[in-house]
Amino acid sequence: MAGKKRRKNRPAPAQQAVPVRRGNEQVRYVQPGRPASYPGAGQAYEQPVAQEGKKRKPRHFYDYSLLFIIIFLTVFGLVMIYSASSYTAQLSSKYNGNSAYFMQRQAMIAAIGFFIMLVISKLDYHLLAKVAVPSYALSYALMIAVSLVGRAVNGKRRWLGVGPFSFQPTEFAKIALIIMLASYITVKGDKINQWKYMRNVTFMTLPIAGLVAANNLSSGIILVGIGFVMLFVACKIKWPFYSLAALAMGILAGAGPIGKALMQIKLLQPYQYRRIEAWLNPELDPEGKSFQVLQGLYAIGSGGLFGQGLGQSIQKLGFLPESQNDMIFAIICEELGLFGAISIILVFLFMIFRFMVIANNAPDLFGALLVVGVMGHIAIQVVLNIAVVTNTIPNTGITLPFISYGGTSVLFIMMEMGIVLSVSNRIRLEK
């Protein structure tokens, strides 16, 4: 047509790729006019990009390092229990000549405790706050019951029978106190730094500790220590705790005259004071109250640097009473030497370190305080047991956690480990 310029056939401009998304899949860039599913669409033009609007999904943390330590200490304890008790069990008709009697019983209880620990570790630890007051009240009822109708062993009422089973209520009291103090301090928050609320924590701790100490001095000391550690961590004011620690050291230094005075006013039982005497002067009664202490020291001394060898202890051959219980650390020193003893102490220190890591990263104050309470319990009990075996403090009859023979102790310690693992399982880590 006239007046109209003829348009030349120019090539169409290159069309830019446009983004296409299907559901939650990554963005793919395809050419317009072509289906997003055509062959090669996800090759030449596919570019991975961050998904818009999608939040990172947090994953839960589970402290497998702590779990490994628990398993290691439990298995090591079974080995040492067999080594320490096989001779006496084989010679005793009470155990039908079964050299593995104590190890088998401990293994059965440890297996039950391990299962309970795993179950508790998968539960929400916040449920414990609902049973804080009832469990605390129940601990009083159990301690009163054991004082009235408890089974006496060596003149001390520590066991309470329930049908064919028996247990030590003092172990339950430790868990109950930890839960109660953690719940109370969490509710009060920053108010816990006021003297009024610090005093309330003290009043929650001392009565149950005194009731326990009447028949089990070592457990009473542990309960006081648990309250001390939890309050120390929760409070910003530190000088009262340092003062109390200095006072405790002074009491330990003057244990002789102080113990005699307490016995005269009926605050200390005669058997408890005799333990103090045996501690201060073990050589004065080598065949009596000091016998166990001296035999334990002989075992430690004969172990040397690397020990006599596993199963080669001499003191366990009827010389060292309760070698599988309170004095098992002496057998460890004799058979594995200073090297083995320090190795076990380092394992416990690593366990304490894991407790600190979990408490520091706990989702809330309640969880952190639960872990701190368990940490205080384990640390104090380990220190007391080793101090007793080395005659650093008077003999208080306390077991070494996870290693010494003792059904009730192992069962409740496994429950405490379940609580700690439950707190660790609620720690969230970003991917």
Protein backbone atom coordinates (compact mmCIF):
# COMPACT_ATOMS: atom_id res chain seq x y z
CA MET A 1 0.00 0.00 0.00
CA ALA A 2 1.14 3.50 -0.80
CA GLY A 3 2.51 5.63 1.98
CA LYS A 4 3.12 2.68 4.19
CA LYS A 5 6.57 1.49 4.86
CA ARG A 6 7.13 -2.14 4.67
CA ARG A 7 8.22 -3.55 8.04
CA LYS A 8 11.18 -5.79 7.96
CA ASN A 9 10.98 -9.15 9.68
CA ARG A 10 13.10 -8.48 12.69
CA PRO A 11 14.09 -11.28 15.05
CA ALA A 12 11.99 -11.36 18.17
CA PRO A 13 13.79 -10.07 21.24
CA ALA A 14 15.22 -12.69 23.51
CA GLN A 15 12.71 -13.52 26.15
CA GLN A 16 13.94 -13.65 29.70
CA ALA A 17 13.40 -16.68 31.81
CA VAL A 18 10.65 -16.34 34.39
CA PRO A 19 10.48 -18.05 37.76
CA VAL A 20 8.14 -20.97 38.24
CA ARG A 21 7.44 -22.67 41.56
CA ARG A 22 5.48 -25.80 42.36
CA GLY A 23 4.48 -26.19 45.97
CA ASN A 24 7.49 -25.91 48.25
CA GLU A 25 10.05 -26.87 45.63
CA GLN A 26 12.91 -24.56 44.75
CA VAL A 27 12.40 -21.83 42.11
CA ARG A 28 13.11 -22.91 38.54
CA TYR A 29 13.58 -20.45 35.68
CA VAL A 30 11.98 -21.45 32.35
CA GLN A 31 11.39 -19.78 28.99
CA PRO A 32 7.92 -18.31 28.48
CA GLY A 33 5.71 -20.38 26.30
CA ARG A 34 7.27 -23.61 27.38
CA PRO A 35 5.84 -25.85 30.08
CA ALA A 36 7.80 -25.95 33.28
CA SER A 37 7.98 -29.69 32.99
CA TYR A 38 9.54 -29.85 29.55
CA PRO A 39 12.67 -32.00 29.29
CA GLY A 40 15.74 -30.08 30.34
CA ALA A 41 13.82 -27.35 32.16
CA GLY A 42 15.52 -28.26 35.37
CA GLN A 43 18.96 -28.32 33.82
CA ALA A 44 19.80 -25.28 31.71
CA TYR A 45 17.77 -22.75 33.66
CA GLU A 46 17.40 -24.28 37.12
CA GLN A 47 19.07 -22.18 39.82
CA PRO A 48 18.76 -23.14 43.47
CA VAL A 49 17.68 -20.27 45.65
CA ALA A 50 16.50 -19.91 49.19
CA GLN A 51 12.87 -20.74 49.69
CA GLU A 52 10.97 -17.56 50.27
CA GLY A 53 9.07 -17.27 53.52
CA LYS A 54 10.13 -20.70 54.80
CA LYS A 55 11.45 -20.64 58.37
CA ARG A 56 14.34 -22.77 59.45
CA LYS A 57 13.08 -25.77 61.32
CA PRO A 58 14.78 -26.13 64.72
CA ARG A 59 16.04 -29.51 65.79
CA HIS A 60 16.28 -30.81 69.34
CA PHE A 61 19.58 -31.48 71.04
CA TYR A 62 20.30 -34.72 72.90
CA ASP A 63 23.50 -35.02 74.92
CA TYR A 64 24.95 -38.29 73.67
CA SER A 65 28.26 -37.46 75.37
CA LEU A 66 26.52 -37.59 78.74
CA LEU A 67 24.70 -40.76 77.74
CA PHE A 68 28.02 -42.40 76.85
CA ILE A 69 29.51 -41.39 80.22
CA ILE A 70 26.54 -42.91 82.05
CA ILE A 71 26.90 -46.19 80.16
CA PHE A 72 30.66 -46.28 80.69
CA LEU A 73 30.47 -45.65 84.44
CA THR A 74 27.68 -48.21 84.85
CA VAL A 75 29.56 -50.94 82.96
CA PHE A 76 32.80 -50.09 84.74
CA GLY A 77 30.92 -50.31 88.03
CA LEU A 78 29.66 -53.80 87.17
CA VAL A 79 33.22 -54.94 86.43
CA MET A 80 34.55 -53.51 89.70
CA ILE A 81 31.63 -54.92 91.73
CA TYR A 82 32.39 -58.39 90.39
CA SER A 83 36.08 -57.96 91.12
CA ALA A 84 35.47 -56.67 94.65
CA SER A 85 32.73 -59.12 95.69
CA SER A 86 33.38 -62.37 93.83
CA TYR A 87 35.59 -63.89 96.53
CA THR A 88 33.28 -63.28 99.51
CA ALA A 89 30.14 -64.15 97.52
CA GLN A 90 31.62 -67.45 96.38
CA LEU A 91 32.48 -68.48 99.94
CA SER A 92 29.15 -67.44 101.45
CA SER A 93 26.28 -69.92 101.63
CA LYS A 94 23.95 -66.93 101.81
CA TYR A 95 24.60 -66.33 98.12
CA ASN A 96 24.71 -70.04 97.18
CA GLY A 97 28.36 -69.77 96.22
CA ASN A 98 27.50 -67.53 93.26
CA SER A 99 30.56 -65.35 92.70
CA ALA A 100 28.58 -63.07 90.36
CA TYR A 101 25.69 -62.55 92.79
CA PHE A 102 26.25 -58.84 93.45
CA MET A 103 27.10 -58.07 89.84
CA GLN A 104 23.97 -59.79 88.55
CA ARG A 105 21.70 -57.94 90.94
CA GLN A 106 23.34 -54.64 90.12
CA ALA A 107 23.08 -55.33 86.38
CA MET A 108 19.36 -56.10 86.66
CA ILE A 109 18.63 -52.93 88.63
CA ALA A 110 20.86 -50.85 86.35
CA ALA A 111 19.00 -52.17 83.28
CA ILE A 112 15.65 -51.21 84.83
CA GLY A 113 17.03 -47.83 85.80
CA PHE A 114 18.45 -47.28 82.31
CA PHE A 115 15.05 -47.97 80.76
CA ILE A 116 13.37 -45.56 83.19
CA MET A 117 16.04 -42.97 82.38
CA LEU A 118 15.32 -43.19 78.64
CA VAL A 119 11.57 -42.86 79.23
CA ILE A 120 12.01 -39.81 81.47
CA SER A 121 14.44 -38.23 79.00
CA LYS A 122 11.70 -38.17 76.35
CA LEU A 123 9.12 -36.55 78.63
CA ASP A 124 8.68 -32.83 79.15
CA TYR A 125 10.53 -31.93 82.34
CA HIS A 126 8.03 -29.11 83.00
CA LEU A 127 5.64 -31.81 84.23
CA LEU A 128 7.84 -32.08 87.33
CA ALA A 129 6.76 -28.61 88.47
CA LYS A 130 3.24 -29.96 88.99
CA VAL A 131 4.44 -32.64 91.41
CA ALA A 132 6.99 -30.50 93.27
CA VAL A 133 4.92 -29.92 96.41
CA PRO A 134 3.36 -33.44 96.59
CA SER A 135 6.76 -35.15 96.16
CA TYR A 136 8.33 -32.86 98.77
CA ALA A 137 5.54 -33.66 101.23
CA LEU A 138 5.84 -37.37 100.43
CA SER A 139 9.54 -37.29 101.27
CA TYR A 140 8.67 -36.12 104.80
CA ALA A 141 6.08 -38.87 105.16
CA LEU A 142 8.55 -41.52 104.00
CA MET A 143 11.31 -40.30 106.33
CA ILE A 144 8.93 -40.32 109.30
CA ALA A 145 7.77 -43.81 108.32
CA VAL A 146 11.32 -45.15 108.07
CA SER A 147 12.10 -43.73 111.51
CA LEU A 148 9.11 -45.56 113.00
CA VAL A 149 8.81 -48.83 111.09
CA GLY A 150 11.94 -48.92 108.95
CA ARG A 151 14.20 -51.95 108.76
CA ALA A 152 17.33 -51.53 110.87
CA VAL A 153 20.72 -52.50 109.44
CA ASN A 154 23.79 -52.12 111.67
CA GLY A 155 21.71 -50.17 114.17
CA LYS A 156 20.49 -47.61 111.62
CA ARG A 157 16.98 -47.42 110.18
CA ARG A 158 17.45 -46.61 106.51
CA TRP A 159 15.29 -49.11 104.66
CA LEU A 160 11.55 -49.10 104.15
CA GLY A 161 9.87 -52.31 102.99
CA VAL A 162 7.01 -52.33 100.47
CA GLY A 163 5.92 -55.94 100.01
CA PRO A 164 8.90 -58.01 98.85
CA PHE A 165 10.83 -54.87 97.93
CA SER A 166 12.76 -52.42 100.08
CA PHE A 167 14.31 -49.05 99.30
CA GLN A 168 15.98 -46.09 100.96
CA PRO A 169 13.61 -43.09 101.17
CA THR A 170 16.64 -40.79 101.47
CA GLU A 171 17.30 -41.26 97.74
CA PHE A 172 13.78 -40.14 96.92
CA ALA A 173 14.19 -37.15 99.24
CA LYS A 174 17.14 -35.93 97.16
CA ILE A 175 15.12 -35.83 93.95
CA ALA A 176 12.11 -34.31 95.72
CA LEU A 177 14.24 -31.51 97.18
CA ILE A 178 15.82 -30.74 93.80
CA ILE A 179 12.41 -30.45 92.12
CA MET A 180 10.94 -28.40 94.96
CA LEU A 181 13.78 -25.88 95.12
CA ALA A 182 13.93 -25.55 91.33
CA SER A 183 10.20 -24.85 91.21
CA TYR A 184 10.26 -22.35 94.09
CA ILE A 185 13.28 -20.40 92.83
CA THR A 186 11.80 -20.25 89.32
CA VAL A 187 8.52 -18.83 90.62
CA LYS A 188 10.29 -16.16 92.69
CA GLY A 189 12.67 -15.15 89.91
CA ASP A 190 14.82 -12.13 90.82
CA LYS A 191 13.16 -11.95 94.23
CA ILE A 192 15.32 -14.88 95.30
CA ASN A 193 18.11 -12.35 95.93
CA GLN A 194 16.11 -10.93 98.84
CA TRP A 195 16.95 -12.30 102.28
CA LYS A 196 13.33 -13.28 102.86
CA TYR A 197 13.26 -15.76 99.99
CA MET A 198 16.79 -16.99 100.58
CA ARG A 199 15.67 -17.80 104.10
CA ASN A 200 12.66 -19.69 102.76
CA VAL A 201 14.93 -21.90 100.65
CA THR A 202 17.02 -22.57 103.75
CA PHE A 203 13.90 -23.53 105.71
CA MET A 204 12.88 -25.90 102.93
CA THR A 205 16.27 -27.62 103.02
CA LEU A 206 17.28 -27.89 106.67
CA PRO A 207 14.22 -29.69 108.14
CA ILE A 208 14.27 -32.55 105.64
CA ALA A 209 18.07 -32.72 105.87
CA GLY A 210 17.89 -32.95 109.66
CA LEU A 211 15.26 -35.67 109.48
CA VAL A 212 17.43 -37.65 107.08
CA ALA A 213 20.64 -37.07 109.05
CA ALA A 214 19.14 -38.71 112.14
CA ASN A 215 19.79 -42.12 110.57
CA ASN A 216 21.95 -41.25 107.56
CA LEU A 217 24.41 -38.44 108.20
CA SER A 218 25.99 -38.58 104.76
CA SER A 219 22.66 -38.15 102.96
CA GLY A 220 21.78 -35.27 105.28
CA ILE A 221 25.03 -33.56 104.30
CA ILE A 222 24.24 -34.12 100.62
CA LEU A 223 20.78 -32.56 100.99
CA VAL A 224 22.29 -29.47 102.61
CA GLY A 225 24.87 -29.36 99.83
CA ILE A 226 22.18 -29.56 97.14
CA GLY A 227 20.33 -26.60 98.65
CA PHE A 228 23.60 -24.69 99.00
CA VAL A 229 24.63 -25.22 95.37
CA MET A 230 21.22 -24.38 93.88
CA LEU A 231 20.87 -21.21 95.95
CA PHE A 232 24.46 -20.20 95.19
CA VAL A 233 23.84 -20.45 91.44
CA ALA A 234 20.49 -18.63 91.59
CA CYS A 235 21.58 -15.70 93.77
CA LYS A 236 23.64 -12.69 92.79
CA ILE A 237 24.80 -12.20 96.38
CA LYS A 238 27.75 -14.54 96.95
CA TRP A 239 29.46 -13.50 100.19
CA PRO A 240 27.09 -15.43 102.52
CA PHE A 241 27.97 -18.65 100.71
CA TYR A 242 31.70 -18.03 100.99
CA SER A 243 31.22 -17.35 104.70
CA LEU A 244 29.29 -20.59 105.18
CA ALA A 245 31.97 -22.53 103.30
CA ALA A 246 34.63 -21.07 105.59
CA LEU A 247 32.51 -21.98 108.62
CA ALA A 248 32.19 -25.56 107.39
CA MET A 249 35.96 -25.81 107.05
CA GLY A 250 36.32 -24.51 110.60
CA ILE A 251 33.87 -27.11 111.90
CA LEU A 252 35.79 -29.83 110.09
CA ALA A 253 39.03 -28.63 111.67
CA GLY A 254 37.47 -28.72 115.14
CA ALA A 255 35.43 -31.87 114.58
CA GLY A 256 36.77 -33.63 117.68
CA PRO A 257 35.65 -31.27 120.46
CA ILE A 258 32.57 -30.17 118.54
CA GLY A 259 31.46 -33.78 118.03
CA LYS A 260 31.94 -34.59 121.69
CA ALA A 261 29.85 -31.58 122.72
CA LEU A 262 27.08 -32.52 120.30
CA MET A 263 27.01 -36.08 121.63
CA GLN A 264 26.65 -34.84 125.20
CA ILE A 265 23.55 -32.82 124.29
CA LYS A 266 22.12 -35.77 122.30
CA LEU A 267 22.47 -34.12 118.89
CA LEU A 268 24.99 -36.72 117.77
CA GLN A 269 24.63 -40.47 118.18
CA PRO A 270 27.48 -42.37 119.92
CA TYR A 271 28.20 -44.43 116.79
CA GLN A 272 28.54 -41.21 114.81
CA TYR A 273 31.03 -39.77 117.30
CA ARG A 274 33.04 -42.99 117.25
CA ARG A 275 33.45 -42.47 113.52
CA ILE A 276 34.95 -39.05 114.24
CA GLU A 277 37.37 -40.59 116.73
CA ALA A 278 38.34 -43.28 114.25
CA TRP A 279 39.01 -40.57 111.69
CA LEU A 280 41.21 -38.44 113.92
CA ASN A 281 43.22 -41.31 115.41
CA PRO A 282 42.76 -44.45 113.28
CA GLU A 283 45.82 -46.13 114.79
CA LEU A 284 44.29 -46.13 118.28
CA ASP A 285 41.67 -48.73 117.37
CA PRO A 286 43.04 -50.69 114.40
CA GLU A 287 40.86 -53.74 115.11
CA GLY A 288 37.69 -51.80 115.85
CA LYS A 289 36.19 -48.65 114.36
CA SER A 290 39.37 -47.80 112.45
CA PHE A 291 39.68 -51.23 110.85
CA GLN A 292 37.85 -50.36 107.63
CA VAL A 293 39.65 -47.03 107.23
CA LEU A 294 43.10 -48.55 107.74
CA GLN A 295 42.43 -51.44 105.37
CA GLY A 296 41.26 -48.96 102.75
CA LEU A 297 44.46 -46.97 103.14
CA TYR A 298 46.49 -50.18 102.83
CA ALA A 299 44.67 -50.92 99.56
CA ILE A 300 45.39 -47.46 98.19
CA GLY A 301 49.05 -47.64 99.18
CA SER A 302 49.62 -51.09 97.71
CA GLY A 303 48.20 -50.07 94.33
CA GLY A 304 51.13 -47.88 93.40
CA LEU A 305 51.11 -46.09 90.06
CA PHE A 306 49.48 -48.71 87.82
CA GLY A 307 47.97 -51.11 90.35
CA GLN A 308 48.15 -54.83 91.03
CA GLY A 309 46.02 -55.66 88.01
CA LEU A 310 42.28 -56.06 87.53
CA GLY A 311 40.99 -58.77 89.86
CA GLN A 312 44.28 -59.04 91.74
CA SER A 313 43.31 -57.16 94.91
CA ILE A 314 44.47 -58.63 98.21
CA GLN A 315 42.35 -56.45 100.50
CA LYS A 316 39.10 -57.76 99.02
CA LEU A 317 39.92 -61.24 100.32
CA GLY A 318 38.05 -60.65 103.57
CA PHE A 319 40.26 -57.82 104.84
CA LEU A 320 38.27 -54.79 103.63
CA PRO A 321 34.61 -54.76 104.76
CA GLU A 322 32.01 -53.48 102.28
CA SER A 323 34.58 -53.53 99.50
CA GLN A 324 31.84 -53.53 96.86
CA ASN A 325 29.94 -50.69 98.53
CA ASP A 326 31.42 -47.66 100.25
CA MET A 327 35.06 -48.71 99.84
CA ILE A 328 35.05 -49.68 96.18
CA PHE A 329 37.26 -46.71 95.31
CA ALA A 330 39.99 -48.28 97.46
CA ILE A 331 39.76 -51.45 95.34
CA ILE A 332 40.00 -49.32 92.19
CA CYS A 333 43.18 -47.75 93.56
CA GLU A 334 44.64 -51.14 94.49
CA GLU A 335 43.88 -52.89 91.21
CA LEU A 336 44.25 -50.02 88.74
CA GLY A 337 46.63 -47.81 90.69
CA LEU A 338 46.87 -44.04 90.76
CA PHE A 339 46.47 -43.96 86.99
CA GLY A 340 43.10 -45.74 87.13
CA ALA A 341 41.87 -43.66 90.07
CA ILE A 342 42.71 -40.38 88.33
CA SER A 343 41.10 -41.62 85.12
CA ILE A 344 37.80 -42.28 86.91
CA ILE A 345 37.96 -38.87 88.58
CA LEU A 346 38.48 -37.27 85.16
CA VAL A 347 35.41 -39.11 83.82
CA PHE A 348 33.34 -37.68 86.67
CA LEU A 349 34.77 -34.22 85.96
CA PHE A 350 33.74 -34.56 82.32
CA MET A 351 30.25 -35.52 83.48
CA ILE A 352 30.10 -32.37 85.63
CA PHE A 353 31.23 -30.37 82.60
CA ARG A 354 28.37 -31.78 80.52
CA PHE A 355 25.95 -30.85 83.30
CA MET A 356 27.26 -27.28 83.16
CA VAL A 357 26.86 -27.14 79.38
CA ILE A 358 23.26 -28.36 79.57
CA ALA A 359 22.38 -26.00 82.42
CA ASN A 360 23.93 -23.05 80.58
CA ASN A 361 21.89 -23.79 77.44
CA ALA A 362 18.67 -24.90 79.12
CA PRO A 363 15.49 -23.41 77.63
CA ASP A 364 14.45 -21.83 80.94
CA LEU A 365 15.45 -21.28 84.55
CA PHE A 366 13.50 -24.29 85.82
CA GLY A 367 15.39 -26.66 83.55
CA ALA A 368 18.73 -25.08 84.42
CA LEU A 369 18.09 -25.41 88.15
CA LEU A 370 17.07 -29.05 87.81
CA VAL A 371 20.40 -29.79 86.15
CA VAL A 372 22.29 -27.73 88.74
CA GLY A 373 20.63 -29.70 91.54
CA VAL A 374 21.59 -33.04 90.00
CA MET A 375 25.09 -31.74 89.34
CA GLY A 376 25.43 -30.71 92.98
CA HIS A 377 24.23 -34.11 94.15
CA ILE A 378 26.66 -36.11 92.00
CA ALA A 379 29.63 -33.82 92.66
CA ILE A 380 29.15 -33.77 96.43
CA GLN A 381 28.63 -37.53 96.65
CA VAL A 382 31.75 -38.28 94.61
CA VAL A 383 33.86 -35.88 96.70
CA LEU A 384 32.53 -37.28 99.98
CA ASN A 385 33.12 -40.90 98.98
CA ILE A 386 36.70 -40.29 97.86
CA ALA A 387 37.36 -38.15 100.94
CA VAL A 388 36.10 -40.94 103.21
CA VAL A 389 38.22 -43.61 101.50
CA THR A 390 41.33 -41.44 101.77
CA ASN A 391 40.46 -40.59 105.42
CA THR A 392 40.19 -36.88 104.62
CA ILE A 393 36.85 -36.71 106.45
CA PRO A 394 35.14 -39.08 108.93
CA ASN A 395 33.54 -42.23 107.58
CA THR A 396 29.96 -41.34 106.67
CA GLY A 397 28.98 -44.51 104.82
CA ILE A 398 28.38 -43.09 101.36
CA THR A 399 28.50 -44.83 97.99
CA LEU A 400 30.33 -43.85 94.81
CA PRO A 401 27.70 -42.98 92.16
CA PHE A 402 27.21 -45.52 89.34
CA ILE A 403 30.07 -47.71 90.61
CA SER A 404 29.27 -48.85 94.16
CA TYR A 405 26.82 -51.68 94.74
CA GLY A 406 23.42 -50.38 95.80
CA GLY A 407 20.08 -50.92 94.13
CA THR A 408 18.15 -47.91 95.42
CA SER A 409 21.01 -45.51 94.78
CA VAL A 410 21.51 -46.65 91.19
CA LEU A 411 17.79 -46.56 90.41
CA PHE A 412 17.24 -43.01 91.63
CA ILE A 413 20.48 -41.72 90.11
CA MET A 414 19.29 -43.06 86.75
CA MET A 415 16.06 -41.13 87.26
CA GLU A 416 18.09 -37.98 87.87
CA MET A 417 20.04 -38.64 84.68
CA GLY A 418 16.74 -38.96 82.84
CA ILE A 419 15.74 -35.51 84.09
CA VAL A 420 19.03 -34.01 82.89
CA LEU A 421 18.69 -35.66 79.47
CA SER A 422 15.09 -34.41 79.28
CA VAL A 423 16.35 -30.85 79.74
CA SER A 424 19.02 -31.41 77.09
CA ASN A 425 16.39 -32.78 74.72
CA ARG A 426 14.49 -29.48 74.92
CA ILE A 427 17.51 -27.42 73.84
CA ARG A 428 16.85 -26.24 70.28
CA LEU A 429 19.58 -25.86 67.72
CA GLU A 430 19.15 -23.98 64.45
CA LYS A 431 20.05 -25.94 61.34
